[in-house]
Amino acid sequence: MKKIIIFLFCLKTLFAADQTYECNQIFNQRKGELEQKIEQIDNAREAYDALRAATNALLDKKKIVLEKKEKEINATLIQIKQKETNIKNMLQENKELLKAIKKAKDDKISETYSKMRASAAAQILSSMKANEAAKILFNLEANKISKIMAKMPPQEASKITNILLKGPPF
């Protein structure tokens, strides 16, 4: 019986050694495959890192260009606002100047008609359009208006009076 047990033990050891050899072989084979996959992953990671670095560098360059353009646009915008302010100021000055010129013209015409004789002024104003005559008469003194209107034909004086009643602008 000892012999059978020894024989069985030897067989078992032999089969166990054979299985161990197969396990080592499978392990070494899998180890090689895993090392290849790790190398592929490392290569892919290096490629990814290089791509990310290149992308970041490109984005940084684009950002610098964008900031430069933004500064140029802001500078242009400031210039436009300054020019707009200057134009508004010039426009206001021109309006005031035009108003002063118009007032001076109206004053000069009023002064001219106020120095005229009533009959001569009435004759001239009667031949004008009623709106223009009303504008001139509006700037004269009341007693001068009454003297001129008295010398005008009644129909013309009536038209001018209706326009004067409405008031400026004529």
N, C-alpha and C. Protein backbone atom coordinates (compact mmCIF):
# COMPACT_ATOMS: atom_id res chain seq x y z
N MET A 1 0.82 -1.15 0.00
CA MET A 1 0.00 0.00 0.00
C MET A 1 0.89 1.24 0.00
N LYS A 2 1.97 1.13 0.64
CA LYS A 2 2.91 2.23 0.64
C LYS A 2 3.36 2.53 -0.77
N LYS A 3 3.52 1.44 -1.51
CA LYS A 3 3.97 1.62 -2.87
C LYS A 3 2.90 2.34 -3.70
N ILE A 4 1.67 2.07 -3.47
CA ILE A 4 0.59 2.68 -4.23
C ILE A 4 0.49 4.16 -3.85
N ILE A 5 0.64 4.42 -2.62
CA ILE A 5 0.55 5.80 -2.16
C ILE A 5 1.72 6.58 -2.74
N ILE A 6 2.89 5.97 -2.75
CA ILE A 6 4.07 6.65 -3.28
C ILE A 6 3.86 6.85 -4.79
N PHE A 7 3.34 5.82 -5.44
CA PHE A 7 3.11 5.91 -6.86
C PHE A 7 2.10 7.02 -7.16
N LEU A 8 1.04 7.08 -6.40
CA LEU A 8 0.02 8.11 -6.60
C LEU A 8 0.62 9.49 -6.31
N PHE A 9 1.45 9.54 -5.29
CA PHE A 9 2.09 10.81 -4.95
C PHE A 9 2.99 11.27 -6.09
N CYS A 10 3.70 10.35 -6.67
CA CYS A 10 4.60 10.68 -7.78
C CYS A 10 3.80 11.14 -8.99
N LEU A 11 2.70 10.47 -9.26
CA LEU A 11 1.85 10.86 -10.38
C LEU A 11 1.27 12.26 -10.16
N LYS A 12 0.85 12.44 -8.97
CA LYS A 12 0.27 13.75 -8.63
C LYS A 12 1.31 14.84 -8.80
N THR A 13 2.50 14.62 -8.33
CA THR A 13 3.58 15.58 -8.44
C THR A 13 3.90 15.84 -9.91
N LEU A 14 3.89 14.78 -10.68
CA LEU A 14 4.20 14.91 -12.08
C LEU A 14 3.15 15.75 -12.79
N PHE A 15 1.89 15.47 -12.52
CA PHE A 15 0.81 16.25 -13.13
C PHE A 15 0.81 17.69 -12.62
N ALA A 16 1.13 17.88 -11.36
CA ALA A 16 1.19 19.22 -10.78
C ALA A 16 2.31 20.02 -11.41
N ALA A 17 3.43 19.40 -11.66
CA ALA A 17 4.56 20.09 -12.28
C ALA A 17 4.20 20.47 -13.71
N ASP A 18 3.47 19.60 -14.37
CA ASP A 18 3.04 19.86 -15.73
C ASP A 18 2.07 21.02 -15.76
N GLN A 19 1.14 21.10 -14.81
CA GLN A 19 0.19 22.20 -14.73
C GLN A 19 0.90 23.50 -14.37
N THR A 20 1.89 23.42 -13.51
CA THR A 20 2.64 24.60 -13.13
C THR A 20 3.38 25.15 -14.34
N TYR A 21 3.92 24.26 -15.14
CA TYR A 21 4.62 24.69 -16.33
C TYR A 21 3.66 25.39 -17.28
N GLU A 22 2.44 24.86 -17.45
CA GLU A 22 1.44 25.47 -18.31
C GLU A 22 1.02 26.83 -17.77
N CYS A 23 0.86 26.94 -16.46
CA CYS A 23 0.47 28.21 -15.84
C CYS A 23 1.55 29.25 -16.06
N ASN A 24 2.79 28.87 -15.90
CA ASN A 24 3.89 29.82 -16.11
C ASN A 24 3.94 30.26 -17.56
N GLN A 25 3.69 29.32 -18.46
CA GLN A 25 3.69 29.65 -19.87
C GLN A 25 2.57 30.63 -20.20
N ILE A 26 1.38 30.37 -19.70
CA ILE A 26 0.22 31.24 -19.93
C ILE A 26 0.48 32.60 -19.31
N PHE A 27 1.05 32.59 -18.09
CA PHE A 27 1.35 33.84 -17.40
C PHE A 27 2.36 34.66 -18.20
N ASN A 28 3.40 34.04 -18.69
CA ASN A 28 4.43 34.76 -19.46
C ASN A 28 3.84 35.29 -20.78
N GLN A 29 2.99 34.48 -21.39
CA GLN A 29 2.35 34.92 -22.63
C GLN A 29 1.45 36.14 -22.36
N ARG A 30 0.62 36.07 -21.33
CA ARG A 30 -0.26 37.18 -20.96
C ARG A 30 0.54 38.40 -20.55
N LYS A 31 1.66 38.14 -19.86
CA LYS A 31 2.53 39.23 -19.43
C LYS A 31 3.06 39.98 -20.64
N GLY A 32 3.44 39.30 -21.68
CA GLY A 32 3.93 39.92 -22.91
C GLY A 32 2.84 40.74 -23.59
N GLU A 33 1.62 40.19 -23.64
CA GLU A 33 0.50 40.91 -24.24
C GLU A 33 0.20 42.18 -23.46
N LEU A 34 0.21 42.04 -22.13
CA LEU A 34 -0.07 43.22 -21.29
C LEU A 34 1.01 44.28 -21.45
N GLU A 35 2.25 43.86 -21.56
CA GLU A 35 3.35 44.82 -21.76
C GLU A 35 3.19 45.56 -23.09
N GLN A 36 2.74 44.84 -24.15
CA GLN A 36 2.48 45.49 -25.43
C GLN A 36 1.34 46.51 -25.32
N LYS A 37 0.28 46.12 -24.62
CA LYS A 37 -0.84 47.04 -24.44
C LYS A 37 -0.42 48.26 -23.63
N ILE A 38 0.39 48.04 -22.59
CA ILE A 38 0.88 49.18 -21.79
C ILE A 38 1.73 50.09 -22.66
N GLU A 39 2.55 49.52 -23.52
CA GLU A 39 3.38 50.33 -24.42
C GLU A 39 2.51 51.11 -25.39
N GLN A 40 1.44 50.49 -25.92
CA GLN A 40 0.51 51.19 -26.80
C GLN A 40 -0.19 52.33 -26.07
N ILE A 41 -0.59 52.05 -24.83
CA ILE A 41 -1.25 53.09 -24.03
C ILE A 41 -0.28 54.24 -23.77
N ASP A 42 0.98 53.91 -23.45
CA ASP A 42 1.98 54.97 -23.22
C ASP A 42 2.20 55.80 -24.48
N ASN A 43 2.26 55.14 -25.63
CA ASN A 43 2.44 55.86 -26.90
C ASN A 43 1.23 56.77 -27.17
N ALA A 44 0.04 56.23 -26.92
CA ALA A 44 -1.17 57.04 -27.12
C ALA A 44 -1.19 58.22 -26.16
N ARG A 45 -0.77 58.01 -24.92
CA ARG A 45 -0.73 59.08 -23.94
C ARG A 45 0.28 60.16 -24.36
N GLU A 46 1.43 59.75 -24.85
CA GLU A 46 2.43 60.71 -25.32
C GLU A 46 1.88 61.52 -26.50
N ALA A 47 1.20 60.82 -27.42
CA ALA A 47 0.61 61.52 -28.57
C ALA A 47 -0.47 62.49 -28.10
N TYR A 48 -1.27 62.07 -27.14
CA TYR A 48 -2.32 62.94 -26.59
C TYR A 48 -1.71 64.16 -25.91
N ASP A 49 -0.65 63.94 -25.11
CA ASP A 49 0.00 65.07 -24.43
C ASP A 49 0.60 66.04 -25.44
N ALA A 50 1.20 65.51 -26.50
CA ALA A 50 1.78 66.38 -27.53
C ALA A 50 0.68 67.17 -28.24
N LEU A 51 -0.42 66.50 -28.54
CA LEU A 51 -1.54 67.17 -29.19
C LEU A 51 -2.14 68.24 -28.28
N ARG A 52 -2.28 67.92 -27.01
CA ARG A 52 -2.82 68.89 -26.06
C ARG A 52 -1.89 70.09 -25.93
N ALA A 53 -0.58 69.86 -25.89
CA ALA A 53 0.38 70.96 -25.79
C ALA A 53 0.31 71.84 -27.04
N ALA A 54 0.21 71.20 -28.21
CA ALA A 54 0.12 71.97 -29.46
C ALA A 54 -1.18 72.76 -29.50
N THR A 55 -2.27 72.16 -29.07
CA THR A 55 -3.57 72.85 -29.05
C THR A 55 -3.53 74.03 -28.08
N ASN A 56 -2.95 73.83 -26.90
CA ASN A 56 -2.85 74.93 -25.93
C ASN A 56 -1.99 76.06 -26.46
N ALA A 57 -0.89 75.71 -27.14
CA ALA A 57 -0.03 76.74 -27.72
C ALA A 57 -0.79 77.53 -28.79
N LEU A 58 -1.55 76.82 -29.62
CA LEU A 58 -2.34 77.48 -30.65
C LEU A 58 -3.42 78.37 -30.04
N LEU A 59 -4.08 77.86 -29.00
CA LEU A 59 -5.10 78.67 -28.31
C LEU A 59 -4.50 79.91 -27.67
N ASP A 60 -3.30 79.77 -27.10
CA ASP A 60 -2.64 80.94 -26.50
C ASP A 60 -2.32 81.99 -27.55
N LYS A 61 -1.84 81.53 -28.72
CA LYS A 61 -1.55 82.48 -29.81
C LYS A 61 -2.84 83.18 -30.26
N LYS A 62 -3.91 82.40 -30.42
CA LYS A 62 -5.19 82.98 -30.84
C LYS A 62 -5.71 83.97 -29.80
N LYS A 63 -5.50 83.62 -28.53
CA LYS A 63 -5.95 84.51 -27.45
C LYS A 63 -5.19 85.82 -27.49
N ILE A 64 -3.89 85.77 -27.74
CA ILE A 64 -3.08 86.99 -27.82
C ILE A 64 -3.55 87.85 -29.00
N VAL A 65 -3.79 87.21 -30.15
CA VAL A 65 -4.27 87.95 -31.32
C VAL A 65 -5.64 88.56 -31.03
N LEU A 66 -6.51 87.79 -30.39
CA LEU A 66 -7.85 88.28 -30.05
C LEU A 66 -7.77 89.47 -29.10
N GLU A 67 -6.92 89.39 -28.09
CA GLU A 67 -6.77 90.51 -27.15
C GLU A 67 -6.24 91.75 -27.85
N LYS A 68 -5.32 91.55 -28.79
CA LYS A 68 -4.77 92.68 -29.56
C LYS A 68 -5.87 93.34 -30.39
N LYS A 69 -6.67 92.52 -31.07
CA LYS A 69 -7.77 93.05 -31.87
C LYS A 69 -8.79 93.76 -30.99
N GLU A 70 -9.04 93.19 -29.82
CA GLU A 70 -9.99 93.80 -28.88
C GLU A 70 -9.50 95.18 -28.44
N LYS A 71 -8.21 95.30 -28.18
CA LYS A 71 -7.65 96.60 -27.79
C LYS A 71 -7.78 97.60 -28.93
N GLU A 72 -7.52 97.13 -30.16
CA GLU A 72 -7.66 98.01 -31.32
C GLU A 72 -9.10 98.48 -31.49
N ILE A 73 -10.03 97.56 -31.32
CA ILE A 73 -11.45 97.92 -31.45
C ILE A 73 -11.85 98.91 -30.37
N ASN A 74 -11.39 98.69 -29.14
CA ASN A 74 -11.71 99.62 -28.05
C ASN A 74 -11.13 101.00 -28.32
N ALA A 75 -9.89 101.04 -28.85
CA ALA A 75 -9.28 102.33 -29.17
C ALA A 75 -10.07 103.03 -30.27
N THR A 76 -10.48 102.27 -31.28
CA THR A 76 -11.28 102.84 -32.37
C THR A 76 -12.62 103.33 -31.84
N LEU A 77 -13.22 102.56 -30.95
CA LEU A 77 -14.50 102.95 -30.36
C LEU A 77 -14.37 104.26 -29.59
N ILE A 78 -13.28 104.41 -28.85
CA ILE A 78 -13.05 105.66 -28.10
C ILE A 78 -12.90 106.82 -29.07
N GLN A 79 -12.15 106.61 -30.16
CA GLN A 79 -12.00 107.67 -31.16
C GLN A 79 -13.34 108.05 -31.78
N ILE A 80 -14.15 107.05 -32.07
CA ILE A 80 -15.47 107.31 -32.66
C ILE A 80 -16.33 108.10 -31.69
N LYS A 81 -16.30 107.74 -30.41
CA LYS A 81 -17.09 108.47 -29.43
C LYS A 81 -16.62 109.92 -29.31
N GLN A 82 -15.29 110.12 -29.35
CA GLN A 82 -14.77 111.49 -29.28
C GLN A 82 -15.21 112.29 -30.50
N LYS A 83 -15.13 111.66 -31.67
CA LYS A 83 -15.55 112.36 -32.89
C LYS A 83 -17.04 112.65 -32.85
N GLU A 84 -17.81 111.71 -32.33
CA GLU A 84 -19.26 111.92 -32.22
C GLU A 84 -19.55 113.10 -31.29
N THR A 85 -18.83 113.18 -30.17
CA THR A 85 -19.01 114.29 -29.24
C THR A 85 -18.62 115.60 -29.92
N ASN A 86 -17.51 115.59 -30.65
CA ASN A 86 -17.08 116.81 -31.36
C ASN A 86 -18.12 117.23 -32.39
N ILE A 87 -18.68 116.26 -33.10
CA ILE A 87 -19.68 116.58 -34.12
C ILE A 87 -20.94 117.14 -33.47
N LYS A 88 -21.35 116.55 -32.34
CA LYS A 88 -22.52 117.07 -31.64
C LYS A 88 -22.28 118.51 -31.17
N ASN A 89 -21.09 118.76 -30.65
CA ASN A 89 -20.76 120.12 -30.20
C ASN A 89 -20.76 121.09 -31.38
N MET A 90 -20.17 120.67 -32.50
CA MET A 90 -20.13 121.53 -33.68
C MET A 90 -21.55 121.77 -34.21
N LEU A 91 -22.38 120.74 -34.18
CA LEU A 91 -23.75 120.88 -34.63
C LEU A 91 -24.51 121.87 -33.76
N GLN A 92 -24.31 121.78 -32.45
CA GLN A 92 -24.96 122.71 -31.53
C GLN A 92 -24.47 124.14 -31.77
N GLU A 93 -23.16 124.28 -31.98
CA GLU A 93 -22.61 125.61 -32.27
C GLU A 93 -23.19 126.15 -33.57
N ASN A 94 -23.31 125.29 -34.58
CA ASN A 94 -23.86 125.72 -35.86
C ASN A 94 -25.32 126.13 -35.73
N LYS A 95 -26.08 125.40 -34.92
CA LYS A 95 -27.48 125.77 -34.69
C LYS A 95 -27.57 127.13 -34.02
N GLU A 96 -26.73 127.33 -33.02
CA GLU A 96 -26.74 128.62 -32.32
C GLU A 96 -26.31 129.74 -33.26
N LEU A 97 -25.31 129.48 -34.08
CA LEU A 97 -24.85 130.48 -35.04
C LEU A 97 -25.93 130.79 -36.07
N LEU A 98 -26.59 129.75 -36.56
CA LEU A 98 -27.67 129.94 -37.52
C LEU A 98 -28.81 130.74 -36.90
N LYS A 99 -29.11 130.43 -35.65
CA LYS A 99 -30.16 131.17 -34.94
C LYS A 99 -29.78 132.64 -34.79
N ALA A 100 -28.52 132.88 -34.46
CA ALA A 100 -28.05 134.27 -34.31
C ALA A 100 -28.10 135.00 -35.66
N ILE A 101 -27.72 134.33 -36.71
CA ILE A 101 -27.76 134.95 -38.05
C ILE A 101 -29.20 135.27 -38.44
N LYS A 102 -30.10 134.31 -38.18
CA LYS A 102 -31.51 134.53 -38.51
C LYS A 102 -32.07 135.70 -37.71
N LYS A 103 -31.72 135.76 -36.43
CA LYS A 103 -32.19 136.87 -35.59
C LYS A 103 -31.65 138.19 -36.10
N ALA A 104 -30.37 138.20 -36.46
CA ALA A 104 -29.77 139.43 -36.97
C ALA A 104 -30.46 139.87 -38.27
N LYS A 105 -30.75 138.87 -39.12
CA LYS A 105 -31.44 139.17 -40.39
C LYS A 105 -32.83 139.74 -40.11
N ASP A 106 -33.57 139.07 -39.21
CA ASP A 106 -34.91 139.54 -38.88
C ASP A 106 -34.86 140.93 -38.25
N ASP A 107 -33.89 141.15 -37.38
CA ASP A 107 -33.74 142.47 -36.76
C ASP A 107 -33.44 143.54 -37.80
N LYS A 108 -32.59 143.18 -38.75
CA LYS A 108 -32.21 144.15 -39.79
C LYS A 108 -33.43 144.49 -40.66
N ILE A 109 -34.20 143.45 -41.02
CA ILE A 109 -35.40 143.69 -41.83
C ILE A 109 -36.41 144.50 -41.04
N SER A 110 -36.59 144.14 -39.77
CA SER A 110 -37.54 144.88 -38.92
C SER A 110 -37.11 146.33 -38.78
N GLU A 111 -35.83 146.54 -38.60
CA GLU A 111 -35.32 147.90 -38.46
C GLU A 111 -35.56 148.69 -39.76
N THR A 112 -35.37 148.02 -40.88
CA THR A 112 -35.58 148.67 -42.18
C THR A 112 -37.04 149.09 -42.33
N TYR A 113 -37.97 148.18 -42.04
CA TYR A 113 -39.39 148.49 -42.19
C TYR A 113 -39.87 149.49 -41.14
N SER A 114 -39.25 149.45 -39.97
CA SER A 114 -39.69 150.42 -38.94
C SER A 114 -39.27 151.83 -39.31
N LYS A 115 -38.21 152.00 -40.11
CA LYS A 115 -37.76 153.32 -40.52
C LYS A 115 -38.47 153.81 -41.79
N MET A 116 -39.16 152.92 -42.49
CA MET A 116 -39.88 153.29 -43.72
C MET A 116 -41.16 154.03 -43.39
N ARG A 117 -41.61 154.74 -44.35
CA ARG A 117 -42.94 155.34 -44.21
C ARG A 117 -43.96 154.24 -44.32
N ALA A 118 -45.09 154.41 -43.63
CA ALA A 118 -46.12 153.38 -43.55
C ALA A 118 -46.69 153.05 -44.92
N SER A 119 -46.89 154.02 -45.78
CA SER A 119 -47.47 153.77 -47.11
C SER A 119 -46.52 152.96 -47.98
N ALA A 120 -45.23 153.25 -47.92
CA ALA A 120 -44.24 152.50 -48.72
C ALA A 120 -44.14 151.07 -48.21
N ALA A 121 -44.11 150.88 -46.88
CA ALA A 121 -44.04 149.55 -46.30
C ALA A 121 -45.29 148.75 -46.63
N ALA A 122 -46.46 149.40 -46.59
CA ALA A 122 -47.72 148.73 -46.90
C ALA A 122 -47.74 148.27 -48.35
N GLN A 123 -47.24 149.06 -49.24
CA GLN A 123 -47.21 148.71 -50.66
C GLN A 123 -46.30 147.49 -50.90
N ILE A 124 -45.13 147.50 -50.26
CA ILE A 124 -44.18 146.38 -50.42
C ILE A 124 -44.76 145.11 -49.81
N LEU A 125 -45.28 145.20 -48.60
CA LEU A 125 -45.80 144.02 -47.91
C LEU A 125 -47.04 143.47 -48.60
N SER A 126 -47.82 144.31 -49.25
CA SER A 126 -49.01 143.85 -49.97
C SER A 126 -48.62 142.99 -51.17
N SER A 127 -47.48 143.26 -51.75
CA SER A 127 -47.07 142.50 -52.93
C SER A 127 -46.36 141.18 -52.55
N MET A 128 -46.05 140.99 -51.27
CA MET A 128 -45.40 139.75 -50.79
C MET A 128 -46.44 138.69 -50.48
N LYS A 129 -45.93 137.45 -50.29
CA LYS A 129 -46.80 136.39 -49.79
C LYS A 129 -47.22 136.76 -48.39
N ALA A 130 -48.43 136.37 -48.01
CA ALA A 130 -49.00 136.76 -46.72
C ALA A 130 -48.16 136.23 -45.55
N ASN A 131 -47.63 135.01 -45.67
CA ASN A 131 -46.82 134.44 -44.58
C ASN A 131 -45.54 135.26 -44.35
N GLU A 132 -44.89 135.65 -45.43
CA GLU A 132 -43.66 136.42 -45.31
C GLU A 132 -43.95 137.81 -44.74
N ALA A 133 -45.02 138.41 -45.18
CA ALA A 133 -45.40 139.73 -44.67
C ALA A 133 -45.72 139.65 -43.18
N ALA A 134 -46.41 138.57 -42.77
CA ALA A 134 -46.76 138.40 -41.35
C ALA A 134 -45.49 138.25 -40.51
N LYS A 135 -44.50 137.53 -41.05
CA LYS A 135 -43.24 137.34 -40.33
C LYS A 135 -42.53 138.68 -40.10
N ILE A 136 -42.54 139.52 -41.11
CA ILE A 136 -41.90 140.83 -40.98
C ILE A 136 -42.68 141.71 -40.01
N LEU A 137 -43.99 141.75 -40.14
CA LEU A 137 -44.81 142.58 -39.26
C LEU A 137 -44.74 142.13 -37.81
N PHE A 138 -44.60 140.82 -37.59
CA PHE A 138 -44.55 140.28 -36.22
C PHE A 138 -43.40 140.89 -35.42
N ASN A 139 -42.31 141.24 -36.10
CA ASN A 139 -41.13 141.77 -35.41
C ASN A 139 -41.19 143.29 -35.20
N LEU A 140 -42.21 143.94 -35.73
CA LEU A 140 -42.32 145.40 -35.59
C LEU A 140 -43.11 145.76 -34.34
N GLU A 141 -43.02 147.02 -33.97
CA GLU A 141 -43.80 147.52 -32.83
C GLU A 141 -45.26 147.64 -33.23
N ALA A 142 -46.15 147.57 -32.25
CA ALA A 142 -47.59 147.54 -32.50
C ALA A 142 -48.07 148.81 -33.22
N ASN A 143 -47.57 149.97 -32.83
CA ASN A 143 -48.04 151.20 -33.47
C ASN A 143 -47.58 151.26 -34.93
N LYS A 144 -46.41 150.71 -35.25
CA LYS A 144 -45.93 150.71 -36.64
C LYS A 144 -46.77 149.73 -37.46
N ILE A 145 -47.13 148.58 -36.86
CA ILE A 145 -47.97 147.59 -37.55
C ILE A 145 -49.32 148.21 -37.90
N SER A 146 -49.88 148.93 -36.95
CA SER A 146 -51.21 149.52 -37.19
C SER A 146 -51.14 150.56 -38.31
N LYS A 147 -50.10 151.35 -38.35
CA LYS A 147 -49.97 152.36 -39.41
C LYS A 147 -49.83 151.69 -40.78
N ILE A 148 -49.00 150.61 -40.85
CA ILE A 148 -48.79 149.92 -42.14
C ILE A 148 -50.07 149.24 -42.58
N MET A 149 -50.77 148.54 -41.66
CA MET A 149 -51.99 147.82 -42.00
C MET A 149 -53.09 148.78 -42.46
N ALA A 150 -53.08 149.96 -41.91
CA ALA A 150 -54.08 150.96 -42.30
C ALA A 150 -53.88 151.38 -43.74
N LYS A 151 -52.68 151.35 -44.24
CA LYS A 151 -52.37 151.77 -45.60
C LYS A 151 -52.51 150.62 -46.61
N MET A 152 -52.73 149.38 -46.14
CA MET A 152 -52.83 148.21 -47.02
C MET A 152 -54.26 148.04 -47.53
N PRO A 153 -54.40 147.32 -48.65
CA PRO A 153 -55.75 146.96 -49.10
C PRO A 153 -56.38 146.08 -48.03
N PRO A 154 -57.67 146.24 -47.79
CA PRO A 154 -58.33 145.50 -46.70
C PRO A 154 -58.20 143.98 -46.81
N GLN A 155 -58.28 143.45 -48.01
CA GLN A 155 -58.20 141.99 -48.15
C GLN A 155 -56.81 141.49 -47.74
N GLU A 156 -55.76 142.18 -48.13
CA GLU A 156 -54.40 141.79 -47.76
C GLU A 156 -54.20 141.93 -46.26
N ALA A 157 -54.67 143.01 -45.70
CA ALA A 157 -54.55 143.24 -44.26
C ALA A 157 -55.28 142.16 -43.49
N SER A 158 -56.43 141.72 -44.01
CA SER A 158 -57.22 140.67 -43.36
C SER A 158 -56.47 139.35 -43.37
N LYS A 159 -55.87 138.96 -44.51
CA LYS A 159 -55.10 137.71 -44.60
C LYS A 159 -53.94 137.73 -43.61
N ILE A 160 -53.22 138.83 -43.60
CA ILE A 160 -52.05 138.95 -42.73
C ILE A 160 -52.47 138.91 -41.27
N THR A 161 -53.60 139.55 -40.94
CA THR A 161 -54.10 139.55 -39.56
C THR A 161 -54.44 138.14 -39.12
N ASN A 162 -55.09 137.36 -39.98
CA ASN A 162 -55.43 135.96 -39.64
C ASN A 162 -54.15 135.13 -39.39
N ILE A 163 -53.14 135.37 -40.17
CA ILE A 163 -51.89 134.65 -39.99
C ILE A 163 -51.22 135.07 -38.68
N LEU A 164 -51.26 136.37 -38.39
CA LEU A 164 -50.67 136.86 -37.14
C LEU A 164 -51.39 136.31 -35.91
N LEU A 165 -52.70 136.10 -36.05
CA LEU A 165 -53.49 135.55 -34.93
C LEU A 165 -53.05 134.13 -34.59
N LYS A 166 -52.67 133.38 -35.60
CA LYS A 166 -52.20 132.00 -35.37
C LYS A 166 -50.85 131.99 -34.65
N GLY A 167 -50.05 133.00 -34.85
CA GLY A 167 -48.75 133.12 -34.19
C GLY A 167 -47.65 132.37 -34.95
N PRO A 168 -46.43 132.59 -34.49
CA PRO A 168 -45.30 131.93 -35.16
C PRO A 168 -45.32 130.43 -34.95
N PRO A 169 -44.70 129.65 -35.76
CA PRO A 169 -43.94 130.02 -36.97
C PRO A 169 -44.90 130.27 -38.12
N PHE A 170 -44.51 131.20 -38.94
CA PHE A 170 -45.37 131.60 -40.05
C PHE A 170 -45.04 130.80 -41.28
